[in-house]
Protein backbone atom coordinates (compact mmCIF):
# COMPACT_ATOMS: atom_id res chain seq x y z
CA MET A 1 -81.24 173.52 183.64
CA ALA A 2 -83.29 173.39 180.05
CA LEU A 3 -81.68 175.89 177.64
CA LEU A 4 -84.34 175.99 175.04
CA ARG A 5 -83.19 177.38 172.03
CA THR A 6 -84.84 180.97 171.39
CA ALA A 7 -83.06 182.05 167.95
CA PRO A 8 -81.91 180.14 165.14
CA ALA A 9 -79.00 178.11 165.79
CA PRO A 10 -75.77 179.19 163.53
CA LYS A 11 -74.86 177.44 160.78
CA LEU A 12 -71.03 176.21 159.60
CA ASP A 13 -70.49 179.42 157.43
CA GLU A 14 -71.46 181.66 160.23
CA LEU A 15 -69.15 179.85 162.69
CA ARG A 16 -66.33 179.78 160.16
CA ARG A 17 -66.63 183.47 159.79
CA LEU A 18 -66.44 183.92 163.44
CA TYR A 19 -63.53 181.63 163.78
CA GLU A 20 -61.34 183.28 161.06
CA LEU A 21 -61.63 186.78 162.48
CA PRO A 22 -58.56 188.61 163.60
CA LEU A 23 -57.92 186.88 167.24
CA PHE A 24 -58.18 189.99 169.02
CA GLU A 25 -61.53 190.89 167.17
CA LEU A 26 -63.03 187.53 167.87
CA VAL A 27 -61.92 187.56 171.52
CA HIS A 28 -63.36 191.30 171.75
CA GLN A 29 -66.77 190.07 170.58
CA SER A 30 -66.75 186.54 172.87
CA ARG A 31 -65.74 188.58 175.88
CA ALA A 32 -68.88 190.88 175.40
CA VAL A 33 -70.78 188.00 175.22
CA TYR A 34 -69.31 186.63 178.32
CA THR A 35 -69.82 189.51 180.59
CA ALA A 36 -73.23 190.15 179.24
CA HIS A 37 -74.49 186.88 180.68
CA TRP A 38 -72.27 185.78 183.30
CA PRO A 39 -71.28 189.23 184.84
CA ASP A 40 -70.11 187.49 188.09
CA PRO A 41 -66.26 186.70 188.32
CA GLU A 42 -67.08 182.90 188.99
CA ILE A 43 -65.54 179.67 187.94
CA GLN A 44 -67.41 176.47 188.01
CA LEU A 45 -65.03 173.79 190.04
CA CYS A 46 -65.96 170.20 189.01
CA SER A 47 -64.20 167.23 190.42
CA LEU A 48 -63.89 164.36 188.38
CA LEU A 49 -63.49 160.64 189.56
CA SER A 50 -63.35 157.51 187.50
CA ILE A 51 -65.50 155.15 189.92
CA LYS A 52 -64.74 152.19 187.48
CA THR A 53 -61.65 152.01 185.35
CA GLY A 54 -60.50 150.20 182.43
CA GLY A 55 -61.59 146.96 180.65
CA CYS A 56 -64.21 149.08 178.18
CA SER A 57 -65.76 147.50 175.06
CA GLU A 58 -65.48 150.56 173.03
CA ASP A 59 -62.56 151.50 170.77
CA CYS A 60 -62.42 155.44 171.07
CA SER A 61 -58.90 155.78 169.51
CA TYR A 62 -57.88 158.49 172.27
CA CYS A 63 -59.05 156.32 175.54
CA ALA A 64 -56.45 154.44 178.03
CA GLN A 65 -59.45 152.71 179.16
CA SER A 66 -60.29 150.77 175.91
CA SER A 67 -59.55 146.95 176.01
CA HIS A 68 -58.76 147.11 172.56
CA TYR A 69 -55.58 148.87 173.19
CA ASP A 70 -52.25 147.82 175.01
CA THR A 71 -51.97 150.77 177.46
CA ALA A 72 -50.36 150.56 181.06
CA LEU A 73 -53.65 151.04 182.60
CA GLN A 74 -55.07 147.98 184.97
CA PRO A 75 -59.06 147.63 184.74
CA GLU A 76 -60.57 147.81 188.24
CA ARG A 77 -63.90 147.28 189.48
CA LEU A 78 -66.59 149.63 190.57
CA MET A 79 -65.56 151.48 193.54
CA GLU A 80 -67.27 151.09 196.98
CA LYS A 81 -69.96 153.54 197.94
CA GLU A 82 -67.87 154.65 200.79
CA THR A 83 -64.57 155.05 198.90
CA VAL A 84 -66.42 157.36 196.20
CA LEU A 85 -68.05 159.40 199.20
CA ALA A 86 -64.96 160.04 200.82
CA ALA A 87 -63.37 161.28 197.46
CA ALA A 88 -66.49 163.61 197.02
CA ARG A 89 -65.89 164.81 200.57
CA ARG A 90 -62.34 165.63 200.04
CA ALA A 91 -62.95 167.27 196.48
CA LYS A 92 -66.06 169.74 198.58
CA ALA A 93 -63.32 170.51 201.14
CA GLU A 94 -60.73 171.66 198.27
CA GLY A 95 -63.80 173.68 196.87
CA ALA A 96 -65.37 171.56 194.19
CA THR A 97 -68.96 172.32 193.79
CA ARG A 98 -70.10 169.66 191.21
CA PHE A 99 -68.87 166.00 191.58
CA CYS A 100 -68.50 164.08 188.20
CA MET A 101 -68.53 160.20 188.29
CA GLY A 102 -67.22 158.23 185.33
CA ALA A 103 -67.30 154.54 184.56
CA ALA A 104 -65.84 152.64 181.55
CA TRP A 105 -69.06 151.06 180.53
CA LYS A 106 -70.64 150.61 177.01
CA GLY A 107 -73.77 152.17 178.51
CA VAL A 108 -76.11 150.99 181.25
CA LYS A 109 -79.92 150.08 181.05
CA GLY A 110 -82.86 149.88 183.46
CA GLY A 111 -82.52 146.71 185.49
CA ASP A 112 -78.96 146.43 185.30
CA ALA A 113 -77.15 145.76 189.00
CA LYS A 114 -74.62 148.12 188.21
CA LEU A 115 -77.05 150.79 187.48
CA ASP A 116 -78.63 150.17 191.06
CA ALA A 117 -75.02 150.55 192.59
CA VAL A 118 -74.67 153.76 190.73
CA CYS A 119 -77.83 155.24 192.09
CA GLY A 120 -77.03 154.18 195.41
CA ILE A 121 -73.64 156.25 195.18
CA VAL A 122 -75.49 159.29 193.35
CA GLU A 123 -77.87 159.73 196.40
CA GLY A 124 -75.04 159.74 198.95
CA VAL A 125 -73.05 162.36 196.78
CA ALA A 126 -76.10 164.43 196.32
CA GLU A 127 -76.89 164.76 200.19
CA LEU A 128 -73.34 166.39 200.40
CA GLY A 129 -75.00 169.38 198.81
CA MET A 130 -72.76 168.94 195.59
CA GLU A 131 -74.17 168.97 192.00
CA VAL A 132 -73.98 165.51 190.61
CA CYS A 133 -72.71 164.46 187.10
CA VAL A 134 -72.11 161.15 185.69
CA THR A 135 -70.85 159.76 182.41
CA LEU A 136 -71.69 155.74 181.88
CA GLY A 137 -72.00 155.69 178.27
CA ASN A 138 -75.37 154.70 176.64
CA LEU A 139 -78.64 155.21 178.14
CA ASP A 140 -81.87 153.86 177.69
CA THR A 141 -85.02 155.56 178.85
CA GLU A 142 -85.33 153.74 182.23
CA ALA A 143 -81.87 154.40 183.33
CA ALA A 144 -82.25 157.93 182.32
CA ARG A 145 -84.98 158.16 184.79
CA ARG A 146 -83.46 156.41 187.65
CA LEU A 147 -80.23 158.62 187.42
CA LYS A 148 -82.49 161.57 187.60
CA GLU A 149 -84.63 160.35 190.76
CA ALA A 150 -81.32 159.45 192.35
CA GLY A 151 -79.95 163.20 192.25
CA VAL A 152 -77.78 163.48 188.92
CA THR A 153 -78.08 167.03 187.72
CA ALA A 154 -75.87 166.46 184.61
CA TYR A 155 -75.08 163.76 182.32
CA ASN A 156 -71.84 163.96 180.48
CA HIS A 157 -71.70 162.74 176.83
CA ASN A 158 -69.28 164.07 174.52
CA ILE A 159 -70.01 164.02 170.89
CA ASP A 160 -66.19 164.39 170.28
CA THR A 161 -66.19 165.94 166.91
CA SER A 162 -68.00 166.16 164.06
CA PRO A 163 -70.51 163.45 162.61
CA GLU A 164 -68.16 163.20 159.55
CA PHE A 165 -64.87 162.64 161.38
CA TYR A 166 -66.54 160.59 164.15
CA PRO A 167 -65.98 156.95 162.21
CA LYS A 168 -62.44 157.75 162.02
CA ILE A 169 -62.09 158.04 165.92
CA VAL A 170 -64.63 155.43 167.14
CA THR A 171 -66.44 152.33 165.26
CA THR A 172 -67.94 150.50 167.92
CA HIS A 173 -70.58 152.84 168.28
CA THR A 174 -72.09 155.78 166.13
CA PHE A 175 -72.62 159.24 166.34
CA ASP A 176 -76.40 158.99 166.19
CA ASP A 177 -75.94 156.58 169.29
CA ARG A 178 -74.26 159.59 171.07
CA LEU A 179 -77.31 161.55 169.89
CA ARG A 180 -79.74 159.32 171.07
CA THR A 181 -78.38 159.18 174.80
CA ILE A 182 -78.37 163.12 174.96
CA GLY A 183 -82.04 162.84 173.97
CA GLU A 184 -82.76 160.30 176.72
CA ALA A 185 -80.80 162.39 179.34
CA GLN A 186 -82.63 165.53 178.32
CA LYS A 187 -86.13 163.78 178.26
CA ALA A 188 -85.66 162.67 181.92
CA GLY A 189 -84.66 166.15 183.29
CA MET A 190 -81.20 166.07 183.54
CA SER A 191 -79.27 168.81 181.90
CA VAL A 192 -76.43 167.41 179.48
CA CYS A 193 -72.69 168.25 179.22
CA SER A 194 -71.36 167.74 175.87
CA GLY A 195 -68.38 168.97 173.74
CA GLY A 196 -65.31 167.42 172.27
CA ILE A 197 -61.66 166.97 171.74
CA ILE A 198 -59.48 168.42 169.52
CA GLY A 199 -56.07 167.62 168.44
CA MET A 200 -57.37 163.97 167.03
CA GLY A 201 -56.03 164.89 163.48
CA GLU A 202 -59.68 166.62 162.73
CA THR A 203 -59.81 169.65 160.76
CA VAL A 204 -61.02 173.12 161.69
CA THR A 205 -64.32 172.64 159.93
CA ASP A 206 -64.70 169.42 161.95
CA ARG A 207 -64.68 171.34 165.02
CA LEU A 208 -67.02 173.92 164.17
CA ARG A 209 -69.34 171.02 162.89
CA MET A 210 -69.18 169.75 166.32
CA LEU A 211 -70.29 173.30 167.69
CA GLU A 212 -73.02 173.38 164.94
CA VAL A 213 -74.39 169.97 165.72
CA LEU A 214 -74.61 170.96 169.56
CA ALA A 215 -75.97 174.11 168.84
CA GLY A 216 -79.00 172.78 166.69
CA LEU A 217 -80.13 170.67 169.54
CA GLU A 218 -83.73 171.58 170.66
CA THR A 219 -82.30 171.83 174.07
CA VAL A 220 -78.51 173.05 173.93
CA PRO A 221 -76.17 171.67 176.50
CA GLU A 222 -75.99 173.46 179.99
CA SER A 223 -72.10 173.09 179.60
CA VAL A 224 -69.85 172.54 176.71
CA PRO A 225 -66.29 170.85 177.45
CA ILE A 226 -63.58 171.85 175.09
CA ASN A 227 -60.76 169.34 175.77
CA VAL A 228 -57.31 169.20 174.20
CA ILE A 229 -56.18 165.42 173.58
CA THR A 230 -53.74 163.80 176.22
CA PRO A 231 -51.77 161.43 174.06
CA ILE A 232 -51.94 158.03 175.80
CA PRO A 233 -49.04 155.65 174.67
CA GLY A 234 -50.57 152.56 173.18
CA THR A 235 -53.65 153.88 171.64
CA PRO A 236 -53.89 155.00 168.10
CA LEU A 237 -53.57 158.65 168.98
CA GLY A 238 -50.65 158.33 171.44
CA ASP A 239 -48.55 160.49 169.16
CA ALA A 240 -50.79 163.31 168.48
CA GLU A 241 -49.13 166.57 168.21
CA PRO A 242 -49.65 169.22 170.47
CA VAL A 243 -52.80 171.92 169.81
CA ASP A 244 -51.53 175.58 169.32
CA ILE A 245 -53.11 177.58 172.15
CA PHE A 246 -54.47 180.38 169.62
CA GLU A 247 -56.54 177.49 167.75
CA LEU A 248 -57.83 176.69 171.46
CA VAL A 249 -58.65 179.96 172.34
CA ARG A 250 -60.34 180.56 168.80
CA LEU A 251 -62.58 177.70 169.41
CA ILE A 252 -63.31 178.57 173.24
CA ALA A 253 -64.55 182.35 171.88
CA VAL A 254 -66.77 180.63 169.16
CA ALA A 255 -68.08 178.18 171.77
CA ARG A 256 -68.97 181.17 174.08
CA ILE A 257 -70.74 183.31 171.29
CA THR A 258 -72.41 180.12 169.89
CA PHE A 259 -73.69 179.23 173.60
CA PRO A 260 -74.02 182.61 175.36
CA VAL A 261 -75.77 181.04 178.58
CA SER A 262 -73.94 177.67 178.83
CA LYS A 263 -71.01 176.80 180.80
CA VAL A 264 -67.81 176.52 178.60
CA ARG A 265 -65.58 174.33 180.03
CA LEU A 266 -61.77 174.50 179.63
CA SER A 267 -61.35 170.72 180.22
CA ALA A 268 -58.44 167.83 179.66
CA GLY A 269 -55.07 169.30 178.51
CA ARG A 270 -54.72 172.11 180.96
CA THR A 271 -51.28 170.72 182.32
CA LYS A 272 -49.74 171.35 179.12
CA LEU A 273 -51.06 175.05 179.16
CA SER A 274 -49.11 177.85 181.13
CA ARG A 275 -50.85 180.09 183.54
CA GLU A 276 -50.91 182.68 180.76
CA GLY A 277 -52.49 180.54 178.30
CA GLN A 278 -55.46 179.54 180.60
CA ALA A 279 -55.95 183.15 181.35
CA LEU A 280 -56.59 184.01 177.85
CA CYS A 281 -58.84 181.02 177.80
CA PHE A 282 -60.90 182.43 180.34
CA TYR A 283 -60.76 186.05 178.96
CA ALA A 284 -62.35 184.71 175.85
CA GLY A 285 -65.23 183.02 177.79
CA ALA A 286 -64.38 179.78 179.53
CA ASN A 287 -66.15 179.63 183.02
CA ALA A 288 -65.80 176.05 184.34
CA ILE A 289 -62.93 173.80 184.79
CA PHE A 290 -62.33 170.19 186.03
CA PHE A 291 -60.69 170.72 189.26
CA GLY A 292 -58.27 168.20 190.91
CA SER A 293 -55.01 166.32 190.01
CA LYS A 294 -56.79 163.71 188.02
CA LEU A 295 -59.04 163.46 185.25
CA LEU A 296 -60.31 159.97 185.07
CA THR A 297 -56.91 158.66 183.94
CA ALA A 298 -55.18 161.55 182.81
CA PRO A 299 -53.19 164.20 184.76
CA ASN A 300 -54.71 167.47 185.65
CA PRO A 301 -53.23 170.68 187.72
CA GLU A 302 -53.11 170.22 191.53
CA ALA A 303 -56.11 172.00 193.21
CA ASN A 304 -53.94 174.57 195.16
CA GLU A 305 -52.42 175.53 191.60
CA ASP A 306 -55.72 176.10 190.27
CA LEU A 307 -56.99 177.86 193.49
CA ARG A 308 -53.94 180.11 193.26
CA LEU A 309 -54.39 180.75 189.50
CA LEU A 310 -58.16 181.71 190.03
CA ARG A 311 -57.30 184.16 192.93
CA ASP A 312 -54.70 185.79 190.82
CA LEU A 313 -57.10 186.31 188.29
CA GLY A 314 -59.90 187.72 190.67
CA PHE A 315 -62.43 184.55 190.37
CA LYS A 316 -64.20 182.86 192.99
CA PRO A 317 -65.83 179.64 192.72
CA GLN A 318 -69.21 179.41 191.79
CA ALA A 319 -71.81 177.98 194.21
CA PRO A 320 -73.55 174.77 193.66
CA TYR A 321 -77.22 174.66 191.93
CA THR A 322 -76.75 178.29 190.99
CA ASP A 323 -78.18 177.87 187.74
CA VAL A 324 -79.52 174.09 187.65
CA PRO A 325 -82.36 173.10 189.72
CA VAL A 326 -81.94 171.08 193.16
CA PRO A 327 -83.35 167.47 192.53
CA ASP A 328 -86.46 166.81 194.45
CA SER A 329 -84.93 164.04 196.09
CA VAL A 330 -82.10 166.11 197.81
CA ALA A 331 -83.75 169.54 198.15
CA ALA A 332 -84.41 169.06 201.94
CA THR A 333 -80.90 168.31 202.27
CA VAL A 334 -79.12 171.55 200.94
């Protein structure tokens, strides 16, 4: 779904004023925005699978899959199509409505054999009636077009943090490289899932600058994931300190106010949150989660735990294609 800006994007000072409000006043405002635009008690359940793990040439300081760091992760080849489809069927049976696939690559280009393989997998997942999201690194124009035609509804490409702090986290590509790929995905007609990670040593200003940049895009992200770092031994951020729950709630609330019609996804780091902490995040405006026991390489709550929590809070899973268009290539199958 293309979410064109219809009002001036908020600037850093405005975001800071929101963030610094008394917590209950901020959450009161974010809750009002949430209920005005998302009146149904629904949470989008997105399952995430690493279809090609490890051996990545990039040096993202938080990532177990980087070949620059000595972690316990063993590189694996691209999964076979039938293995991925079996995982997608299990995810659908558990209640997931969007299936996200990640590959530890610098990127893909038109003409790459690996792009052909991924497009074949995408076509199979789309035929199951699930929304399809992929994260494959940088894209060129041809790769973006191919993915859209295969049935990708959303491209995940987080900007991670502020442009100022980004070089302290990644040196093998630039912040502008991230923005270029977001532009390619949007030009091809895919929606974009883009947010960031907190707990990497950044300041509150860095977190708010991240939101400012995303809000300034001509087409804002369809979903905005807010990840809490999962420290991985062997990476430069393996000793990162835990994030205070109220800092997370504040950022989710500001994101909800900033992106009223985008999904705000409570993403990595939920295993460290209590049920009460997650409930407060949902109350502040989060309306999507990654669902299933594993997020690429990091642990996640078990599916039955999530379903019980959502049931206790009065939520139901959002149906697929509720607010994104059905791709032409799969319209007849859903």
